[in-house]
Amino acid sequence: MKTIQVFDDIQQVYVEFLQNKAYPKLESLSNWGKNRFFFSQYFRLIEDWHHTEQIVIEFNQQYYSLDTGNAPDFMDQEKYMAWLMAELLA
């Protein structure tokens, strides 16, 4: 697993994730499912509540609770990266 240390790394693995044909078709997943699948590939999930849209990840030895219910469409790279940057770098 690639170590994610800076936000630029997240942008890089996001693009790789979208382009990787080995994964199941992302279109078949809900927005929450896309988020969860992406974060589970590149981050350590701390608390995983399947009945909520909260996802808690570890990034740079800090914990972030992401409310994916407020996330834009995962496939919209520009809006999604802006949201994620605001969540992680706030």
N, C-alpha and C. Protein backbone atom coordinates (compact mmCIF):
# COMPACT_ATOMS: atom_id res chain seq x y z
N MET A 1 0.84 -1.18 0.00
CA MET A 1 0.00 0.00 0.00
C MET A 1 0.88 1.24 0.00
N LYS A 2 0.58 2.16 -0.87
CA LYS A 2 1.34 3.39 -0.97
C LYS A 2 1.08 4.25 0.26
N THR A 3 2.14 4.85 0.81
CA THR A 3 1.97 5.72 1.96
C THR A 3 1.56 7.11 1.49
N ILE A 4 0.44 7.56 2.00
CA ILE A 4 -0.08 8.87 1.63
C ILE A 4 0.38 9.86 2.68
N GLN A 5 1.18 10.85 2.28
CA GLN A 5 1.71 11.78 3.26
C GLN A 5 1.33 13.23 2.99
N VAL A 6 1.07 13.56 1.75
CA VAL A 6 0.69 14.93 1.41
C VAL A 6 -0.53 14.88 0.50
N PHE A 7 -1.21 16.01 0.43
CA PHE A 7 -2.45 16.03 -0.35
C PHE A 7 -2.20 15.71 -1.82
N ASP A 8 -1.06 16.10 -2.36
CA ASP A 8 -0.76 15.78 -3.76
C ASP A 8 -0.77 14.27 -3.99
N ASP A 9 -0.32 13.50 -2.98
CA ASP A 9 -0.36 12.04 -3.10
C ASP A 9 -1.80 11.55 -3.22
N ILE A 10 -2.70 12.19 -2.47
CA ILE A 10 -4.11 11.80 -2.54
C ILE A 10 -4.65 12.05 -3.94
N GLN A 11 -4.31 13.19 -4.51
CA GLN A 11 -4.78 13.50 -5.86
C GLN A 11 -4.24 12.47 -6.86
N GLN A 12 -3.00 12.07 -6.69
CA GLN A 12 -2.41 11.09 -7.60
C GLN A 12 -3.10 9.74 -7.49
N VAL A 13 -3.30 9.24 -6.26
CA VAL A 13 -3.92 7.92 -6.13
C VAL A 13 -5.40 7.97 -6.52
N TYR A 14 -6.03 9.13 -6.35
CA TYR A 14 -7.43 9.28 -6.79
C TYR A 14 -7.52 9.08 -8.29
N VAL A 15 -6.65 9.73 -9.03
CA VAL A 15 -6.65 9.59 -10.50
C VAL A 15 -6.34 8.14 -10.88
N GLU A 16 -5.36 7.52 -10.23
CA GLU A 16 -5.03 6.12 -10.50
C GLU A 16 -6.22 5.22 -10.19
N PHE A 17 -6.91 5.51 -9.09
CA PHE A 17 -8.07 4.73 -8.67
C PHE A 17 -9.17 4.80 -9.73
N LEU A 18 -9.42 6.01 -10.25
CA LEU A 18 -10.46 6.16 -11.27
C LEU A 18 -10.09 5.44 -12.56
N GLN A 19 -8.80 5.37 -12.87
CA GLN A 19 -8.36 4.77 -14.13
C GLN A 19 -8.13 3.27 -14.05
N ASN A 20 -8.05 2.73 -12.84
CA ASN A 20 -7.70 1.31 -12.69
C ASN A 20 -8.87 0.43 -13.09
N LYS A 21 -8.65 -0.34 -14.11
CA LYS A 21 -9.71 -1.20 -14.64
C LYS A 21 -9.87 -2.49 -13.83
N ALA A 22 -8.96 -2.75 -12.89
CA ALA A 22 -9.03 -3.97 -12.10
C ALA A 22 -10.13 -3.90 -11.03
N TYR A 23 -10.53 -2.70 -10.67
CA TYR A 23 -11.56 -2.54 -9.65
C TYR A 23 -12.93 -2.80 -10.27
N PRO A 24 -13.90 -3.11 -9.43
CA PRO A 24 -15.26 -3.24 -9.96
C PRO A 24 -15.68 -1.92 -10.59
N LYS A 25 -16.63 -1.98 -11.46
CA LYS A 25 -17.11 -0.76 -12.10
C LYS A 25 -17.59 0.21 -11.04
N LEU A 26 -16.94 1.36 -10.95
CA LEU A 26 -17.30 2.34 -9.93
C LEU A 26 -18.73 2.84 -10.10
N GLU A 27 -19.20 2.84 -11.34
CA GLU A 27 -20.56 3.34 -11.59
C GLU A 27 -21.61 2.52 -10.86
N SER A 28 -21.28 1.27 -10.53
CA SER A 28 -22.27 0.42 -9.87
C SER A 28 -22.36 0.69 -8.37
N LEU A 29 -21.44 1.47 -7.83
CA LEU A 29 -21.44 1.77 -6.40
C LEU A 29 -22.14 3.10 -6.12
N SER A 30 -22.70 3.22 -4.93
CA SER A 30 -23.26 4.50 -4.51
C SER A 30 -22.11 5.46 -4.23
N ASN A 31 -22.41 6.73 -4.04
CA ASN A 31 -21.36 7.69 -3.72
C ASN A 31 -20.64 7.28 -2.44
N TRP A 32 -21.39 6.83 -1.44
CA TRP A 32 -20.79 6.35 -0.19
C TRP A 32 -19.90 5.14 -0.46
N GLY A 33 -20.36 4.25 -1.30
CA GLY A 33 -19.59 3.06 -1.63
C GLY A 33 -18.28 3.40 -2.32
N LYS A 34 -18.33 4.36 -3.23
CA LYS A 34 -17.10 4.80 -3.91
C LYS A 34 -16.13 5.38 -2.91
N ASN A 35 -16.64 6.24 -2.02
CA ASN A 35 -15.79 6.84 -1.00
C ASN A 35 -15.16 5.76 -0.12
N ARG A 36 -15.98 4.87 0.37
CA ARG A 36 -15.50 3.84 1.28
C ARG A 36 -14.48 2.94 0.60
N PHE A 37 -14.73 2.55 -0.63
CA PHE A 37 -13.81 1.70 -1.37
C PHE A 37 -12.48 2.42 -1.59
N PHE A 38 -12.54 3.69 -1.98
CA PHE A 38 -11.33 4.48 -2.21
C PHE A 38 -10.52 4.59 -0.92
N PHE A 39 -11.17 5.02 0.17
CA PHE A 39 -10.45 5.20 1.42
C PHE A 39 -9.90 3.89 1.96
N SER A 40 -10.62 2.80 1.77
CA SER A 40 -10.14 1.51 2.27
C SER A 40 -8.91 1.03 1.51
N GLN A 41 -8.73 1.51 0.27
CA GLN A 41 -7.57 1.12 -0.53
C GLN A 41 -6.30 1.85 -0.10
N TYR A 42 -6.43 3.09 0.36
CA TYR A 42 -5.25 3.94 0.56
C TYR A 42 -5.06 4.45 1.98
N PHE A 43 -6.04 4.26 2.84
CA PHE A 43 -5.95 4.77 4.20
C PHE A 43 -6.34 3.68 5.18
N ARG A 44 -5.93 3.88 6.41
CA ARG A 44 -6.39 2.99 7.48
C ARG A 44 -7.71 3.56 7.98
N LEU A 45 -8.76 2.76 7.87
CA LEU A 45 -10.06 3.17 8.38
C LEU A 45 -10.06 2.90 9.87
N ILE A 46 -10.41 3.91 10.65
CA ILE A 46 -10.36 3.79 12.09
C ILE A 46 -11.68 3.26 12.63
N GLU A 47 -12.74 3.92 12.31
CA GLU A 47 -14.06 3.47 12.74
C GLU A 47 -14.89 3.32 11.49
N ASP A 48 -15.54 2.24 11.40
CA ASP A 48 -16.28 1.96 10.18
C ASP A 48 -17.72 1.63 10.54
N TRP A 49 -18.56 2.64 10.47
CA TRP A 49 -19.97 2.45 10.78
C TRP A 49 -20.72 2.26 9.48
N HIS A 50 -21.16 1.05 9.24
CA HIS A 50 -21.82 0.76 7.97
C HIS A 50 -23.19 1.41 7.86
N HIS A 51 -23.77 1.82 8.99
CA HIS A 51 -25.11 2.37 8.94
C HIS A 51 -25.11 3.90 8.88
N THR A 52 -23.93 4.53 8.81
CA THR A 52 -23.88 5.99 8.67
C THR A 52 -22.99 6.33 7.49
N GLU A 53 -22.95 7.59 7.16
CA GLU A 53 -22.10 8.04 6.07
C GLU A 53 -20.76 8.57 6.58
N GLN A 54 -20.51 8.41 7.90
CA GLN A 54 -19.24 8.84 8.48
C GLN A 54 -18.15 7.81 8.17
N ILE A 55 -17.01 8.28 7.74
CA ILE A 55 -15.83 7.45 7.54
C ILE A 55 -14.69 8.14 8.27
N VAL A 56 -14.03 7.42 9.17
CA VAL A 56 -12.90 7.98 9.92
C VAL A 56 -11.62 7.37 9.37
N ILE A 57 -10.72 8.24 8.89
CA ILE A 57 -9.46 7.77 8.31
C ILE A 57 -8.29 8.36 9.08
N GLU A 58 -7.14 7.70 8.92
CA GLU A 58 -5.90 8.25 9.46
C GLU A 58 -5.11 8.83 8.29
N PHE A 59 -4.68 10.09 8.44
CA PHE A 59 -3.89 10.78 7.42
C PHE A 59 -2.84 11.60 8.16
N ASN A 60 -1.57 11.35 7.88
CA ASN A 60 -0.48 12.06 8.56
C ASN A 60 -0.59 11.96 10.07
N GLN A 61 -0.86 10.79 10.56
CA GLN A 61 -0.93 10.47 11.98
C GLN A 61 -2.00 11.29 12.71
N GLN A 62 -2.99 11.74 11.96
CA GLN A 62 -4.14 12.41 12.56
C GLN A 62 -5.38 11.70 12.05
N TYR A 63 -6.45 11.84 12.82
CA TYR A 63 -7.70 11.20 12.45
C TYR A 63 -8.68 12.23 11.92
N TYR A 64 -9.36 11.85 10.86
CA TYR A 64 -10.33 12.74 10.23
C TYR A 64 -11.65 11.99 10.08
N SER A 65 -12.70 12.63 10.53
CA SER A 65 -14.04 12.08 10.36
C SER A 65 -14.66 12.77 9.16
N LEU A 66 -14.87 12.01 8.12
CA LEU A 66 -15.41 12.55 6.88
C LEU A 66 -16.88 12.19 6.77
N ASP A 67 -17.71 13.19 6.58
CA ASP A 67 -19.14 12.96 6.38
C ASP A 67 -19.38 12.87 4.88
N THR A 68 -19.37 11.64 4.37
CA THR A 68 -19.50 11.46 2.93
C THR A 68 -20.89 11.83 2.42
N GLY A 69 -21.83 12.00 3.34
CA GLY A 69 -23.15 12.47 2.94
C GLY A 69 -23.11 13.89 2.39
N ASN A 70 -22.07 14.64 2.78
CA ASN A 70 -21.90 16.00 2.27
C ASN A 70 -20.93 16.07 1.10
N ALA A 71 -20.37 14.95 0.72
CA ALA A 71 -19.38 14.92 -0.35
C ALA A 71 -20.05 15.08 -1.71
N PRO A 72 -19.39 15.82 -2.61
CA PRO A 72 -19.91 15.87 -3.99
C PRO A 72 -19.73 14.51 -4.67
N ASP A 73 -20.23 14.40 -5.86
CA ASP A 73 -20.11 13.17 -6.64
C ASP A 73 -18.64 12.76 -6.72
N PHE A 74 -18.35 11.54 -6.29
CA PHE A 74 -16.98 11.03 -6.27
C PHE A 74 -16.33 11.11 -7.65
N MET A 75 -17.09 10.96 -8.70
CA MET A 75 -16.53 10.94 -10.05
C MET A 75 -16.23 12.34 -10.60
N ASP A 76 -16.68 13.38 -9.92
CA ASP A 76 -16.42 14.76 -10.34
C ASP A 76 -15.12 15.21 -9.69
N GLN A 77 -14.02 14.97 -10.39
CA GLN A 77 -12.69 15.15 -9.80
C GLN A 77 -12.48 16.54 -9.22
N GLU A 78 -12.84 17.58 -9.94
CA GLU A 78 -12.57 18.94 -9.48
C GLU A 78 -13.32 19.26 -8.19
N LYS A 79 -14.62 18.97 -8.16
CA LYS A 79 -15.42 19.25 -6.96
C LYS A 79 -15.04 18.33 -5.81
N TYR A 80 -14.79 17.06 -6.12
CA TYR A 80 -14.47 16.10 -5.06
C TYR A 80 -13.14 16.43 -4.40
N MET A 81 -12.12 16.75 -5.19
CA MET A 81 -10.81 17.09 -4.63
C MET A 81 -10.88 18.38 -3.80
N ALA A 82 -11.68 19.34 -4.25
CA ALA A 82 -11.84 20.58 -3.48
C ALA A 82 -12.49 20.29 -2.13
N TRP A 83 -13.51 19.42 -2.13
CA TRP A 83 -14.18 19.04 -0.87
C TRP A 83 -13.20 18.32 0.05
N LEU A 84 -12.47 17.33 -0.50
CA LEU A 84 -11.57 16.53 0.32
C LEU A 84 -10.44 17.40 0.88
N MET A 85 -9.91 18.31 0.07
CA MET A 85 -8.86 19.20 0.55
C MET A 85 -9.37 20.06 1.71
N ALA A 86 -10.58 20.56 1.59
CA ALA A 86 -11.16 21.37 2.66
C ALA A 86 -11.33 20.55 3.93
N GLU A 87 -11.71 19.27 3.78
CA GLU A 87 -11.89 18.40 4.94
C GLU A 87 -10.58 18.07 5.64
N LEU A 88 -9.54 17.82 4.86
CA LEU A 88 -8.27 17.35 5.42
C LEU A 88 -7.31 18.47 5.79
N LEU A 89 -7.43 19.61 5.16
CA LEU A 89 -6.46 20.68 5.38
C LEU A 89 -7.07 21.86 6.12
N ALA A 90 -8.27 21.68 6.64
CA ALA A 90 -8.94 22.79 7.33
C ALA A 90 -8.25 23.13 8.64
